Amino acid sequence: MNTNERREQILKDLKEADAPINATALAKRYGVSRQIVVGDIAILKAHQNPIVASVKGYVYVNSDEDHYYTIACKHKAEDTREELYIMVDHGAIVENVIVDHPLYGELVGKLEIASRYDVDLFIEQMQLHNAKNLSEMNEGVHLHTIKCNDEEMLKRIKDKLKEGGYLYE
């Protein structure tokens, strides 16, 4: 299999996957190094393939089938778990967190959080690495891109976030 064939097969794998696929798994599948796969993904993305990287691996984002929405939130760092629970408990996948940095502009942190388990794992990793929320740069103000089935799901999530004091309006 040559380089182009491998890249086409990786793209096919990502399009058909039900969950993120990490670079190590792809490297084993195609008998190349992890770095080769990372380079392949970079080339695929440069050719306008909607591939995003998350802590769990690579995902092909087919925006024709999925509904993505951006919501503005504001809360203290200690409320992160509850904010994320509200979103996943109502069926959303939290794709990312976005903050506006005065020097760098928009900073995006990939999350790919789909369940309470994912939320707890994220919080645990933050604590393990003594990491701070990106939103702490902006007094708690941040955006999330979430994937929902429809606008009704989005409305329920926004209502619950507002009820909890997390929606920024």
Protein backbone atom coordinates (compact mmCIF):
# COMPACT_ATOMS: atom_id res chain seq x y z
CA MET A 1 0.00 0.00 0.00
CA ASN A 2 1.46 3.35 -0.98
CA THR A 3 1.13 6.63 0.92
CA ASN A 4 -1.91 7.91 -0.98
CA GLU A 5 -3.73 4.59 -0.63
CA ARG A 6 -3.04 4.59 3.12
CA ARG A 7 -4.37 8.13 3.49
CA GLU A 8 -7.52 7.26 1.55
CA GLN A 9 -8.02 4.20 3.75
CA ILE A 10 -7.50 6.27 6.94
CA LEU A 11 -10.08 8.76 5.67
CA LYS A 12 -12.50 5.90 4.95
CA ASP A 13 -11.90 4.47 8.46
CA LEU A 14 -12.64 7.83 10.08
CA LYS A 15 -15.78 8.38 8.01
CA GLU A 16 -17.14 4.96 8.99
CA ALA A 17 -16.11 5.04 12.66
CA ASP A 18 -18.68 5.31 15.45
CA ALA A 19 -16.05 6.59 17.89
CA PRO A 20 -12.75 8.47 17.74
CA ILE A 21 -9.73 6.49 16.46
CA ASN A 22 -6.34 7.32 17.92
CA ALA A 23 -3.12 7.61 15.94
CA THR A 24 -1.56 4.58 17.65
CA ALA A 25 -4.43 2.32 16.55
CA LEU A 26 -4.19 3.61 12.97
CA ALA A 27 -0.41 3.15 13.01
CA LYS A 28 -0.77 -0.49 14.07
CA ARG A 29 -3.48 -1.09 11.47
CA TYR A 30 -1.29 0.19 8.64
CA GLY A 31 2.15 -0.90 9.90
CA VAL A 32 3.60 2.60 10.16
CA SER A 33 4.70 4.83 13.00
CA ARG A 34 2.36 7.06 14.96
CA GLN A 35 4.20 10.10 13.54
CA ILE A 36 3.47 8.94 9.99
CA VAL A 37 -0.24 8.79 10.85
CA VAL A 38 -0.10 12.27 12.41
CA GLY A 39 1.44 13.53 9.18
CA ASP A 40 -1.20 11.71 7.12
CA ILE A 41 -3.95 13.35 9.16
CA ALA A 42 -2.33 16.77 8.67
CA ILE A 43 -2.32 16.24 4.89
CA LEU A 44 -5.94 15.04 4.93
CA LYS A 45 -6.96 18.13 6.92
CA ALA A 46 -5.02 20.37 4.53
CA HIS A 47 -7.18 18.92 1.74
CA GLN A 48 -10.26 20.28 3.56
CA ASN A 49 -11.37 17.00 5.15
CA PRO A 50 -13.29 17.89 8.34
CA ILE A 51 -11.16 15.87 10.76
CA VAL A 52 -10.80 17.01 14.35
CA ALA A 53 -8.41 15.74 16.97
CA SER A 54 -9.58 15.08 20.49
CA VAL A 55 -8.03 13.47 23.54
CA LYS A 56 -9.68 10.21 22.44
CA GLY A 57 -8.47 10.29 18.84
CA TYR A 58 -9.48 11.57 15.44
CA VAL A 59 -13.07 12.15 14.33
CA TYR A 60 -14.48 12.86 10.90
CA VAL A 61 -17.13 15.56 11.35
CA ASN A 62 -19.96 15.27 8.85
CA SER A 63 -21.81 18.52 9.44
CA ASP A 64 -24.55 17.56 6.96
CA GLU A 65 -25.80 14.86 9.33
CA ASP A 66 -25.08 16.44 12.70
CA HIS A 67 -26.35 19.64 14.24
CA TYR A 68 -23.68 21.81 15.85
CA TYR A 69 -24.49 24.78 18.03
CA THR A 70 -22.42 27.29 19.95
CA ILE A 71 -23.53 28.35 23.40
CA ALA A 72 -22.06 30.99 25.69
CA CYS A 73 -21.51 30.09 29.33
CA LYS A 74 -20.08 31.72 32.42
CA HIS A 75 -19.28 30.08 35.73
CA LYS A 76 -16.61 29.51 38.35
CA ALA A 77 -14.05 26.75 37.82
CA GLU A 78 -15.63 24.59 40.53
CA ASP A 79 -18.90 24.53 38.55
CA THR A 80 -17.36 22.93 35.45
CA ARG A 81 -18.51 19.41 36.31
CA GLU A 82 -22.13 20.47 36.83
CA GLU A 83 -22.19 22.56 33.64
CA LEU A 84 -20.90 19.63 31.58
CA TYR A 85 -23.26 17.17 33.31
CA ILE A 86 -26.23 19.31 32.25
CA MET A 87 -25.19 19.12 28.61
CA VAL A 88 -24.41 15.40 28.45
CA ASP A 89 -27.41 14.44 30.60
CA HIS A 90 -29.63 16.02 27.96
CA GLY A 91 -27.97 14.14 25.10
CA ALA A 92 -25.35 16.57 23.78
CA ILE A 93 -21.75 15.89 22.94
CA VAL A 94 -19.53 18.75 24.10
CA GLU A 95 -17.09 19.14 21.23
CA ASN A 96 -14.90 21.92 22.59
CA VAL A 97 -14.41 24.98 24.74
CA ILE A 98 -13.51 28.33 23.15
CA VAL A 99 -12.13 31.46 24.79
CA ASP A 100 -11.02 34.77 23.39
CA HIS A 101 -7.42 35.51 24.36
CA PRO A 102 -6.26 39.14 24.16
CA LEU A 103 -2.99 38.23 22.40
CA TYR A 104 -3.68 34.96 20.55
CA GLY A 105 -7.33 35.50 19.65
CA GLU A 106 -9.62 32.50 19.71
CA LEU A 107 -8.23 29.51 21.63
CA VAL A 108 -10.01 26.18 21.20
CA GLY A 109 -9.68 23.21 23.53
CA LYS A 110 -11.00 19.95 22.08
CA LEU A 111 -13.14 18.02 24.57
CA GLU A 112 -15.34 15.35 22.87
CA ILE A 113 -17.29 14.77 26.10
CA ALA A 114 -20.40 12.61 25.65
CA SER A 115 -21.18 11.14 29.09
CA ARG A 116 -20.83 11.65 32.84
CA TYR A 117 -17.94 9.20 32.70
CA ASP A 118 -16.19 11.48 30.17
CA VAL A 119 -16.89 14.51 32.38
CA ASP A 120 -15.45 12.78 35.44
CA LEU A 121 -12.40 11.64 33.48
CA PHE A 122 -11.85 15.19 32.18
CA ILE A 123 -12.09 16.67 35.70
CA GLU A 124 -9.79 13.96 37.05
CA GLN A 125 -7.19 14.73 34.35
CA MET A 126 -7.40 18.44 35.09
CA GLN A 127 -6.78 17.77 38.78
CA LEU A 128 -4.00 15.28 38.05
CA HIS A 129 -2.16 17.84 35.93
CA ASN A 130 -3.11 20.79 38.13
CA ALA A 131 -4.58 22.40 35.00
CA LYS A 132 -6.85 25.42 34.95
CA ASN A 133 -9.95 25.94 32.85
CA LEU A 134 -9.39 28.06 29.75
CA SER A 135 -12.40 30.09 30.86
CA GLU A 136 -10.44 31.38 33.86
CA MET A 137 -8.67 33.76 31.43
CA ASN A 138 -11.98 35.56 30.88
CA GLU A 139 -13.57 35.60 34.31
CA GLY A 140 -15.42 32.39 33.48
CA VAL A 141 -16.83 33.47 30.11
CA HIS A 142 -16.45 30.86 27.37
CA LEU A 143 -18.18 29.18 24.46
CA HIS A 144 -18.92 25.51 23.84
CA THR A 145 -19.63 23.88 20.51
CA ILE A 146 -22.09 21.11 21.19
CA LYS A 147 -23.56 18.44 18.95
CA CYS A 148 -27.31 17.91 19.40
CA ASN A 149 -29.94 15.87 17.62
CA ASP A 150 -32.11 18.93 17.01
CA GLU A 151 -33.01 22.42 18.17
CA GLU A 152 -35.43 21.09 20.78
CA MET A 153 -32.53 19.35 22.53
CA LEU A 154 -30.56 22.60 22.35
CA LYS A 155 -33.47 24.50 23.91
CA ARG A 156 -33.71 22.02 26.82
CA ILE A 157 -29.97 22.32 27.45
CA LYS A 158 -30.04 26.12 27.35
CA ASP A 159 -33.04 26.19 29.70
CA LYS A 160 -31.23 23.94 32.21
CA LEU A 161 -28.00 25.94 31.91
CA LYS A 162 -29.95 29.15 32.51
CA GLU A 163 -31.72 27.58 35.48
CA GLY A 164 -28.33 26.63 36.94
CA GLY A 165 -26.90 30.09 36.36
CA TYR A 166 -24.39 28.90 33.74
CA LEU A 167 -25.83 30.38 30.55
CA TYR A 168 -24.22 33.68 29.57
CA GLU A 169 -26.71 36.03 27.95
